[in-house]
Amino acid sequence: VLKETIDGMEKLDLDFSGLEYLSSAGLRVLLTAQ
């Protein structure tokens, strides 16, 4: 989803209100997005 939509964006807002669990694989994706 990020690869498809992040190009040209000036702000990325992530809402984690419904996120229950985060693994190292998720951290890797967040680091790449950052």
Full PDB file with SEQRES, HELIX, SHEET, SSBOND, CRYST1, ORIGX, SCALE, CONECT and MASTER records, all heavy atoms in Angstrom:
SEQRES   1 A   34  VAL LEU LYS GLU THR ILE ASP GLY MET GLU LYS LEU ASP          
SEQRES   2 A   34  LEU ASP PHE SER GLY LEU GLU TYR LEU SER SER ALA GLY          
SEQRES   3 A   34  LEU ARG VAL LEU LEU THR ALA GLN                              
HELIX    1 AA1 LEU A    2  THR A    5  1                                   4    
HELIX    2 AA2 SER A   24  ALA A   33  1                                  10    
CRYST1    1.000    1.000    1.000  90.00  90.00  90.00 P 1           1          
ORIGX1      1.000000  0.000000  0.000000        0.00000                         
ORIGX2      0.000000  1.000000  0.000000        0.00000                         
ORIGX3      0.000000  0.000000  1.000000        0.00000                         
SCALE1      1.000000  0.000000  0.000000        0.00000                         
SCALE2      0.000000  1.000000  0.000000        0.00000                         
SCALE3      0.000000  0.000000  1.000000        0.00000                         
ATOM      1  N   VAL A   1       0.844  -1.200   0.000  1.00  0.00           N  
ATOM      2  CA  VAL A   1       0.000   0.000   0.000  1.00  0.00           C  
ATOM      3  C   VAL A   1       0.878   1.248   0.000  1.00  0.00           C  
ATOM      4  O   VAL A   1       0.613   2.203  -0.739  1.00  0.00           O  
ATOM      5  CB  VAL A   1      -0.964   0.001   1.213  1.00  0.00           C  
ATOM      6  CG1 VAL A   1      -1.616   1.357   1.399  1.00  0.00           C  
ATOM      7  CG2 VAL A   1      -2.024  -1.076   1.050  1.00  0.00           C  
ATOM      8  N   LEU A   2       1.916   1.242   0.807  1.00  0.00           N  
ATOM      9  CA  LEU A   2       2.811   2.399   0.870  1.00  0.00           C  
ATOM     10  C   LEU A   2       3.526   2.613  -0.461  1.00  0.00           C  
ATOM     11  O   LEU A   2       3.623   3.748  -0.943  1.00  0.00           O  
ATOM     12  CB  LEU A   2       3.817   2.237   2.006  1.00  0.00           C  
ATOM     13  CG  LEU A   2       3.240   2.409   3.405  1.00  0.00           C  
ATOM     14  CD1 LEU A   2       4.245   1.980   4.465  1.00  0.00           C  
ATOM     15  CD2 LEU A   2       2.799   3.839   3.644  1.00  0.00           C  
ATOM     16  N   LYS A   3       4.011   1.546  -1.078  1.00  0.00           N  
ATOM     17  CA  LYS A   3       4.708   1.676  -2.359  1.00  0.00           C  
ATOM     18  C   LYS A   3       3.792   2.262  -3.429  1.00  0.00           C  
ATOM     19  O   LYS A   3       4.233   3.043  -4.269  1.00  0.00           O  
ATOM     20  CB  LYS A   3       5.250   0.317  -2.822  1.00  0.00           C  
ATOM     21  CG  LYS A   3       6.533  -0.076  -2.139  1.00  0.00           C  
ATOM     22  CD  LYS A   3       7.076  -1.370  -2.679  1.00  0.00           C  
ATOM     23  CE  LYS A   3       8.355  -1.755  -1.953  1.00  0.00           C  
ATOM     24  NZ  LYS A   3       8.900  -3.025  -2.402  1.00  0.00           N  
ATOM     25  N   GLU A   4       2.517   1.882  -3.393  1.00  0.00           N  
ATOM     26  CA  GLU A   4       1.556   2.363  -4.380  1.00  0.00           C  
ATOM     27  C   GLU A   4       1.188   3.827  -4.179  1.00  0.00           C  
ATOM     28  O   GLU A   4       0.874   4.517  -5.146  1.00  0.00           O  
ATOM     29  CB  GLU A   4       0.251   1.554  -4.297  1.00  0.00           C  
ATOM     30  CG  GLU A   4       0.354   0.127  -4.728  1.00  0.00           C  
ATOM     31  CD  GLU A   4      -0.906  -0.668  -4.389  1.00  0.00           C  
ATOM     32  OE1 GLU A   4      -1.909  -0.072  -3.932  1.00  0.00           O  
ATOM     33  OE2 GLU A   4      -0.885  -1.886  -4.587  1.00  0.00           O  
ATOM     34  N   THR A   5       1.178   4.300  -2.929  1.00  0.00           N  
ATOM     35  CA  THR A   5       0.561   5.597  -2.640  1.00  0.00           C  
ATOM     36  C   THR A   5       1.477   6.665  -2.041  1.00  0.00           C  
ATOM     37  O   THR A   5       1.091   7.827  -2.021  1.00  0.00           O  
ATOM     38  CB  THR A   5      -0.627   5.400  -1.677  1.00  0.00           C  
ATOM     39  OG1 THR A   5      -0.166   4.712  -0.510  1.00  0.00           O  
ATOM     40  CG2 THR A   5      -1.739   4.618  -2.310  1.00  0.00           C  
ATOM     41  N   ILE A   6       2.656   6.315  -1.577  1.00  0.00           N  
ATOM     42  CA  ILE A   6       3.468   7.271  -0.818  1.00  0.00           C  
ATOM     43  C   ILE A   6       4.194   8.277  -1.714  1.00  0.00           C  
ATOM     44  O   ILE A   6       4.535   9.375  -1.280  1.00  0.00           O  
ATOM     45  CB  ILE A   6       4.468   6.518   0.100  1.00  0.00           C  
ATOM     46  CG1 ILE A   6       4.933   7.420   1.233  1.00  0.00           C  
ATOM     47  CG2 ILE A   6       5.640   5.991  -0.703  1.00  0.00           C  
ATOM     48  CD1 ILE A   6       5.735   6.702   2.293  1.00  0.00           C  
ATOM     49  N   ASP A   7       4.384   7.947  -2.973  1.00  0.00           N  
ATOM     50  CA  ASP A   7       5.123   8.815  -3.881  1.00  0.00           C  
ATOM     51  C   ASP A   7       4.439  10.176  -4.012  1.00  0.00           C  
ATOM     52  O   ASP A   7       3.256  10.258  -4.322  1.00  0.00           O  
ATOM     53  CB  ASP A   7       5.248   8.150  -5.252  1.00  0.00           C  
ATOM     54  CG  ASP A   7       6.314   8.798  -6.101  1.00  0.00           C  
ATOM     55  OD1 ASP A   7       7.345   9.211  -5.545  1.00  0.00           O  
ATOM     56  OD2 ASP A   7       6.103   8.907  -7.330  1.00  0.00           O  
ATOM     57  N   GLY A   8       5.175  11.233  -3.733  1.00  0.00           N  
ATOM     58  CA  GLY A   8       4.645  12.579  -3.855  1.00  0.00           C  
ATOM     59  C   GLY A   8       3.895  13.094  -2.632  1.00  0.00           C  
ATOM     60  O   GLY A   8       3.489  14.252  -2.591  1.00  0.00           O  
ATOM     61  N   MET A   9       3.713  12.245  -1.644  1.00  0.00           N  
ATOM     62  CA  MET A   9       3.017  12.681  -0.428  1.00  0.00           C  
ATOM     63  C   MET A   9       3.963  13.514   0.438  1.00  0.00           C  
ATOM     64  O   MET A   9       5.134  13.201   0.562  1.00  0.00           O  
ATOM     65  CB  MET A   9       2.536  11.470   0.390  1.00  0.00           C  
ATOM     66  CG  MET A   9       1.413  10.687  -0.233  1.00  0.00           C  
ATOM     67  SD  MET A   9      -0.092  11.645  -0.382  1.00  0.00           S  
ATOM     68  CE  MET A   9      -0.317  11.601  -2.138  1.00  0.00           C  
ATOM     69  N   GLU A  10       3.412  14.570   1.017  1.00  0.00           N  
ATOM     70  CA  GLU A  10       4.202  15.413   1.912  1.00  0.00           C  
ATOM     71  C   GLU A  10       3.955  15.069   3.378  1.00  0.00           C  
ATOM     72  O   GLU A  10       4.751  15.416   4.242  1.00  0.00           O  
ATOM     73  CB  GLU A  10       3.870  16.888   1.663  1.00  0.00           C  
ATOM     74  CG  GLU A  10       4.308  17.347   0.291  1.00  0.00           C  
ATOM     75  CD  GLU A  10       3.882  18.768  -0.028  1.00  0.00           C  
ATOM     76  OE1 GLU A  10       3.320  19.450   0.856  1.00  0.00           O  
ATOM     77  OE2 GLU A  10       4.105  19.188  -1.175  1.00  0.00           O  
ATOM     78  N   LYS A  11       2.846  14.394   3.651  1.00  0.00           N  
ATOM     79  CA  LYS A  11       2.548  13.984   5.023  1.00  0.00           C  
ATOM     80  C   LYS A  11       1.929  12.597   5.011  1.00  0.00           C  
ATOM     81  O   LYS A  11       1.032  12.321   4.226  1.00  0.00           O  
ATOM     82  CB  LYS A  11       1.602  14.969   5.706  1.00  0.00           C  
ATOM     83  CG  LYS A  11       1.367  14.629   7.167  1.00  0.00           C  
ATOM     84  CD  LYS A  11       0.720  15.753   7.931  1.00  0.00           C  
ATOM     85  CE  LYS A  11       0.647  15.384   9.402  1.00  0.00           C  
ATOM     86  NZ  LYS A  11      -0.064  16.380  10.174  1.00  0.00           N  
ATOM     87  N   LEU A  12       2.429  11.746   5.886  1.00  0.00           N  
ATOM     88  CA  LEU A  12       1.875  10.406   6.084  1.00  0.00           C  
ATOM     89  C   LEU A  12       1.401  10.329   7.522  1.00  0.00           C  
ATOM     90  O   LEU A  12       2.202  10.441   8.454  1.00  0.00           O  
ATOM     91  CB  LEU A  12       2.935   9.335   5.806  1.00  0.00           C  
ATOM     92  CG  LEU A  12       2.550   7.890   6.090  1.00  0.00           C  
ATOM     93  CD1 LEU A  12       1.336   7.465   5.257  1.00  0.00           C  
ATOM     94  CD2 LEU A  12       3.726   6.958   5.822  1.00  0.00           C  
ATOM     95  N   ASP A  13       0.083  10.186   7.697  1.00  0.00           N  
ATOM     96  CA  ASP A  13      -0.525  10.040   9.018  1.00  0.00           C  
ATOM     97  C   ASP A  13      -0.925   8.585   9.215  1.00  0.00           C  
ATOM     98  O   ASP A  13      -1.701   8.052   8.417  1.00  0.00           O  
ATOM     99  CB  ASP A  13      -1.785  10.908   9.148  1.00  0.00           C  
ATOM    100  CG  ASP A  13      -1.480  12.318   9.589  1.00  0.00           C  
ATOM    101  OD1 ASP A  13      -0.506  12.498  10.343  1.00  0.00           O  
ATOM    102  OD2 ASP A  13      -2.212  13.230   9.194  1.00  0.00           O  
ATOM    103  N   LEU A  14      -0.413   7.964  10.258  1.00  0.00           N  
ATOM    104  CA  LEU A  14      -0.765   6.581  10.574  1.00  0.00           C  
ATOM    105  C   LEU A  14      -1.572   6.567  11.863  1.00  0.00           C  
ATOM    106  O   LEU A  14      -1.112   7.058  12.891  1.00  0.00           O  
ATOM    107  CB  LEU A  14       0.493   5.729  10.728  1.00  0.00           C  
ATOM    108  CG  LEU A  14       1.395   5.628   9.494  1.00  0.00           C  
ATOM    109  CD1 LEU A  14       2.687   4.913   9.845  1.00  0.00           C  
ATOM    110  CD2 LEU A  14       0.679   4.916   8.371  1.00  0.00           C  
ATOM    111  N   ASP A  15      -2.770   6.010  11.787  1.00  0.00           N  
ATOM    112  CA  ASP A  15      -3.647   5.898  12.949  1.00  0.00           C  
ATOM    113  C   ASP A  15      -3.559   4.463  13.470  1.00  0.00           C  
ATOM    114  O   ASP A  15      -3.978   3.527  12.803  1.00  0.00           O  
ATOM    115  CB  ASP A  15      -5.080   6.246  12.559  1.00  0.00           C  
ATOM    116  CG  ASP A  15      -6.046   6.196  13.737  1.00  0.00           C  
ATOM    117  OD1 ASP A  15      -5.662   5.714  14.822  1.00  0.00           O  
ATOM    118  OD2 ASP A  15      -7.193   6.630  13.556  1.00  0.00           O  
ATOM    119  N   PHE A  16      -3.003   4.314  14.669  1.00  0.00           N  
ATOM    120  CA  PHE A  16      -2.802   2.993  15.264  1.00  0.00           C  
ATOM    121  C   PHE A  16      -3.868   2.660  16.302  1.00  0.00           C  
ATOM    122  O   PHE A  16      -3.693   1.740  17.094  1.00  0.00           O  
ATOM    123  CB  PHE A  16      -1.418   2.924  15.928  1.00  0.00           C  
ATOM    124  CG  PHE A  16      -0.283   2.633  14.982  1.00  0.00           C  
ATOM    125  CD1 PHE A  16      -0.422   2.775  13.619  1.00  0.00           C  
ATOM    126  CD2 PHE A  16       0.944   2.230  15.479  1.00  0.00           C  
ATOM    127  CE1 PHE A  16       0.639   2.504  12.750  1.00  0.00           C  
ATOM    128  CE2 PHE A  16       2.007   1.953  14.636  1.00  0.00           C  
ATOM    129  CZ  PHE A  16       1.857   2.091  13.268  1.00  0.00           C  
ATOM    130  N   SER A  17      -4.991   3.384  16.323  1.00  0.00           N  
ATOM    131  CA  SER A  17      -6.007   3.168  17.353  1.00  0.00           C  
ATOM    132  C   SER A  17      -6.544   1.736  17.350  1.00  0.00           C  
ATOM    133  O   SER A  17      -6.934   1.222  18.389  1.00  0.00           O  
ATOM    134  CB  SER A  17      -7.157   4.166  17.215  1.00  0.00           C  
ATOM    135  OG  SER A  17      -7.782   4.048  15.958  1.00  0.00           O  
ATOM    136  N   GLY A  18      -6.531   1.064  16.206  1.00  0.00           N  
ATOM    137  CA  GLY A  18      -7.037  -0.296  16.135  1.00  0.00           C  
ATOM    138  C   GLY A  18      -5.945  -1.347  16.052  1.00  0.00           C  
ATOM    139  O   GLY A  18      -6.218  -2.540  15.899  1.00  0.00           O  
ATOM    140  N   LEU A  19      -4.688  -0.918  16.149  1.00  0.00           N  
ATOM    141  CA  LEU A  19      -3.580  -1.865  16.035  1.00  0.00           C  
ATOM    142  C   LEU A  19      -3.342  -2.548  17.376  1.00  0.00           C  
ATOM    143  O   LEU A  19      -3.173  -1.894  18.398  1.00  0.00           O  
ATOM    144  CB  LEU A  19      -2.314  -1.136  15.567  1.00  0.00           C  
ATOM    145  CG  LEU A  19      -1.214  -2.026  15.010  1.00  0.00           C  
ATOM    146  CD1 LEU A  19      -1.662  -2.734  13.739  1.00  0.00           C  
ATOM    147  CD2 LEU A  19       0.042  -1.219  14.743  1.00  0.00           C  
ATOM    148  N   GLU A  20      -3.336  -3.872  17.367  1.00  0.00           N  
ATOM    149  CA  GLU A  20      -3.201  -4.658  18.592  1.00  0.00           C  
ATOM    150  C   GLU A  20      -1.792  -5.187  18.828  1.00  0.00           C  
ATOM    151  O   GLU A  20      -1.393  -5.427  19.963  1.00  0.00           O  
ATOM    152  CB  GLU A  20      -4.148  -5.868  18.524  1.00  0.00           C  
ATOM    153  CG  GLU A  20      -5.594  -5.504  18.315  1.00  0.00           C  
ATOM    154  CD  GLU A  20      -6.425  -6.690  17.842  1.00  0.00           C  
ATOM    155  OE1 GLU A  20      -5.885  -7.806  17.698  1.00  0.00           O  
ATOM    156  OE2 GLU A  20      -7.621  -6.486  17.587  1.00  0.00           O  
ATOM    157  N   TYR A  21      -1.043  -5.393  17.737  1.00  0.00           N  
ATOM    158  CA  TYR A  21       0.254  -6.069  17.851  1.00  0.00           C  
ATOM    159  C   TYR A  21       1.179  -5.545  16.762  1.00  0.00           C  
ATOM    160  O   TYR A  21       0.750  -5.270  15.643  1.00  0.00           O  
ATOM    161  CB  TYR A  21       0.067  -7.583  17.698  1.00  0.00           C  
ATOM    162  CG  TYR A  21       1.343  -8.370  17.704  1.00  0.00           C  
ATOM    163  CD1 TYR A  21       1.983  -8.664  18.898  1.00  0.00           C  
ATOM    164  CD2 TYR A  21       1.912  -8.807  16.518  1.00  0.00           C  
ATOM    165  CE1 TYR A  21       3.171  -9.391  18.908  1.00  0.00           C  
ATOM    166  CE2 TYR A  21       3.101  -9.528  16.515  1.00  0.00           C  
ATOM    167  CZ  TYR A  21       3.719  -9.816  17.714  1.00  0.00           C  
ATOM    168  OH  TYR A  21       4.895 -10.524  17.724  1.00  0.00           O  
ATOM    169  N   LEU A  22       2.462  -5.433  17.088  1.00  0.00           N  
ATOM    170  CA  LEU A  22       3.471  -4.967  16.136  1.00  0.00           C  
ATOM    171  C   LEU A  22       4.715  -5.834  16.284  1.00  0.00           C  
ATOM    172  O   LEU A  22       5.289  -5.917  17.372  1.00  0.00           O  
ATOM    173  CB  LEU A  22       3.801  -3.498  16.422  1.00  0.00           C  
ATOM    174  CG  LEU A  22       4.889  -2.851  15.588  1.00  0.00           C  
ATOM    175  CD1 LEU A  22       4.479  -2.772  14.123  1.00  0.00           C  
ATOM    176  CD2 LEU A  22       5.191  -1.461  16.127  1.00  0.00           C  
ATOM    177  N   SER A  23       5.128  -6.474  15.203  1.00  0.00           N  
ATOM    178  CA  SER A  23       6.317  -7.327  15.233  1.00  0.00           C  
ATOM    179  C   SER A  23       7.494  -6.617  14.579  1.00  0.00           C  
ATOM    180  O   SER A  23       7.368  -5.504  14.056  1.00  0.00           O  
ATOM    181  CB  SER A  23       6.049  -8.635  14.486  1.00  0.00           C  
ATOM    182  OG  SER A  23       6.071  -8.410  13.083  1.00  0.00           O  
ATOM    183  N   SER A  24       8.640  -7.277  14.553  1.00  0.00           N  
ATOM    184  CA  SER A  24       9.834  -6.702  13.935  1.00  0.00           C  
ATOM    185  C   SER A  24       9.626  -6.483  12.436  1.00  0.00           C  
ATOM    186  O   SER A  24      10.173  -5.534  11.864  1.00  0.00           O  
ATOM    187  CB  SER A  24      11.055  -7.591  14.182  1.00  0.00           C  
ATOM    188  OG  SER A  24      10.843  -8.879  13.650  1.00  0.00           O  
ATOM    189  N   ALA A  25       8.826  -7.324  11.797  1.00  0.00           N  
ATOM    190  CA  ALA A  25       8.533  -7.129  10.373  1.00  0.00           C  
ATOM    191  C   ALA A  25       7.767  -5.825  10.161  1.00  0.00           C  
ATOM    192  O   ALA A  25       8.013  -5.086   9.205  1.00  0.00           O  
ATOM    193  CB  ALA A  25       7.731  -8.310   9.834  1.00  0.00           C  
ATOM    194  N   GLY A  26       6.857  -5.522  11.065  1.00  0.00           N  
ATOM    195  CA  GLY A  26       6.124  -4.263  11.003  1.00  0.00           C  
ATOM    196  C   GLY A  26       7.026  -3.077  11.262  1.00  0.00           C  
ATOM    197  O   GLY A  26       6.909  -2.035  10.607  1.00  0.00           O  
ATOM    198  N   LEU A  27       7.953  -3.234  12.211  1.00  0.00           N  
ATOM    199  CA  LEU A  27       8.912  -2.161  12.495  1.00  0.00           C  
ATOM    200  C   LEU A  27       9.766  -1.850  11.268  1.00  0.00           C  
ATOM    201  O   LEU A  27      10.043  -0.690  10.974  1.00  0.00           O  
ATOM    202  CB  LEU A  27       9.826  -2.560  13.667  1.00  0.00           C  
ATOM    203  CG  LEU A  27       9.185  -2.562  15.047  1.00  0.00           C  
ATOM    204  CD1 LEU A  27      10.152  -3.166  16.068  1.00  0.00           C  
ATOM    205  CD2 LEU A  27       8.780  -1.159  15.474  1.00  0.00           C  
ATOM    206  N   ARG A  28      10.137  -2.886  10.528  1.00  0.00           N  
ATOM    207  CA  ARG A  28      10.945  -2.696   9.329  1.00  0.00           C  
ATOM    208  C   ARG A  28      10.197  -1.852   8.301  1.00  0.00           C  
ATOM    209  O   ARG A  28      10.755  -0.926   7.708  1.00  0.00           O  
ATOM    210  CB  ARG A  28      11.331  -4.057   8.726  1.00  0.00           C  
ATOM    211  CG  ARG A  28      12.204  -3.938   7.480  1.00  0.00           C  
ATOM    212  CD  ARG A  28      12.441  -5.283   6.818  1.00  0.00           C  
ATOM    213  NE  ARG A  28      11.219  -5.994   6.495  1.00  0.00           N  
ATOM    214  CZ  ARG A  28      10.426  -5.719   5.461  1.00  0.00           C  
ATOM    215  NH1 ARG A  28      10.705  -4.722   4.656  1.00  0.00           N  
ATOM    216  NH2 ARG A  28       9.347  -6.437   5.232  1.00  0.00           N  
ATOM    217  N   VAL A  29       8.913  -2.138   8.106  1.00  0.00           N  
ATOM    218  CA  VAL A  29       8.102  -1.372   7.156  1.00  0.00           C  
ATOM    219  C   VAL A  29       7.976   0.079   7.616  1.00  0.00           C  
ATOM    220  O   VAL A  29       8.085   1.011   6.807  1.00  0.00           O  
ATOM    221  CB  VAL A  29       6.708  -2.016   6.963  1.00  0.00           C  
ATOM    222  CG1 VAL A  29       5.829  -1.152   6.083  1.00  0.00           C  
ATOM    223  CG2 VAL A  29       6.834  -3.413   6.376  1.00  0.00           C  
ATOM    224  N   LEU A  30       7.773   0.288   8.906  1.00  0.00           N  
ATOM    225  CA  LEU A  30       7.668   1.648   9.441  1.00  0.00           C  
ATOM    226  C   LEU A  30       8.981   2.414   9.264  1.00  0.00           C  
ATOM    227  O   LEU A  30       8.971   3.601   8.921  1.00  0.00           O  
ATOM    228  CB  LEU A  30       7.278   1.620  10.918  1.00  0.00           C  
ATOM    229  CG  LEU A  30       5.872   1.118  11.236  1.00  0.00           C  
ATOM    230  CD1 LEU A  30       5.658   1.068  12.741  1.00  0.00           C  
ATOM    231  CD2 LEU A  30       4.818   1.986  10.569  1.00  0.00           C  
ATOM    232  N   LEU A  31      10.100   1.741   9.474  1.00  0.00           N  
ATOM    233  CA  LEU A  31      11.403   2.378   9.308  1.00  0.00           C  
ATOM    234  C   LEU A  31      11.622   2.787   7.853  1.00  0.00           C  
ATOM    235  O   LEU A  31      12.086   3.896   7.573  1.00  0.00           O  
ATOM    236  CB  LEU A  31      12.521   1.440   9.776  1.00  0.00           C  
ATOM    237  CG  LEU A  31      13.938   2.001   9.716  1.00  0.00           C  
ATOM    238  CD1 LEU A  31      14.070   3.246  10.578  1.00  0.00           C  
ATOM    239  CD2 LEU A  31      14.939   0.942  10.151  1.00  0.00           C  
ATOM    240  N   THR A  32      11.263   1.919   6.927  1.00  0.00           N  
ATOM    241  CA  THR A  32      11.388   2.226   5.501  1.00  0.00           C  
ATOM    242  C   THR A  32      10.519   3.426   5.136  1.00  0.00           C  
ATOM    243  O   THR A  32      10.969   4.340   4.430  1.00  0.00           O  
ATOM    244  CB  THR A  32      10.995   1.002   4.649  1.00  0.00           C  
ATOM    245  OG1 THR A  32      11.851  -0.090   4.997  1.00  0.00           O  
ATOM    246  CG2 THR A  32      11.108   1.289   3.166  1.00  0.00           C  
ATOM    247  N   ALA A  33       9.279   3.443   5.632  1.00  0.00           N  
ATOM    248  CA  ALA A  33       8.374   4.564   5.359  1.00  0.00           C  
ATOM    249  C   ALA A  33       8.931   5.856   5.944  1.00  0.00           C  
ATOM    250  O   ALA A  33       8.866   6.913   5.305  1.00  0.00           O  
ATOM    251  CB  ALA A  33       6.992   4.267   5.926  1.00  0.00           C  
ATOM    252  N   GLN A  34       9.504   5.776   7.148  1.00  0.00           N  
ATOM    253  CA  GLN A  34      10.072   6.963   7.785  1.00  0.00           C  
ATOM    254  C   GLN A  34      11.228   7.520   6.960  1.00  0.00           C  
ATOM    255  O   GLN A  34      11.348   8.729   6.775  1.00  0.00           O  
ATOM    256  CB  GLN A  34      10.542   6.637   9.206  1.00  0.00           C  
ATOM    257  CG  GLN A  34      11.082   7.836   9.966  1.00  0.00           C  
ATOM    258  CD  GLN A  34      10.023   8.882  10.240  1.00  0.00           C  
ATOM    259  OE1 GLN A  34       9.082   8.636  10.966  1.00  0.00           O  
ATOM    260  NE2 GLN A  34      10.171  10.058   9.655  1.00  0.00           N  
TER     261      GLN A  34                                                      
MASTER        0    0    0    2    0    0    0    6  260    1    0    3          
END                                                                             
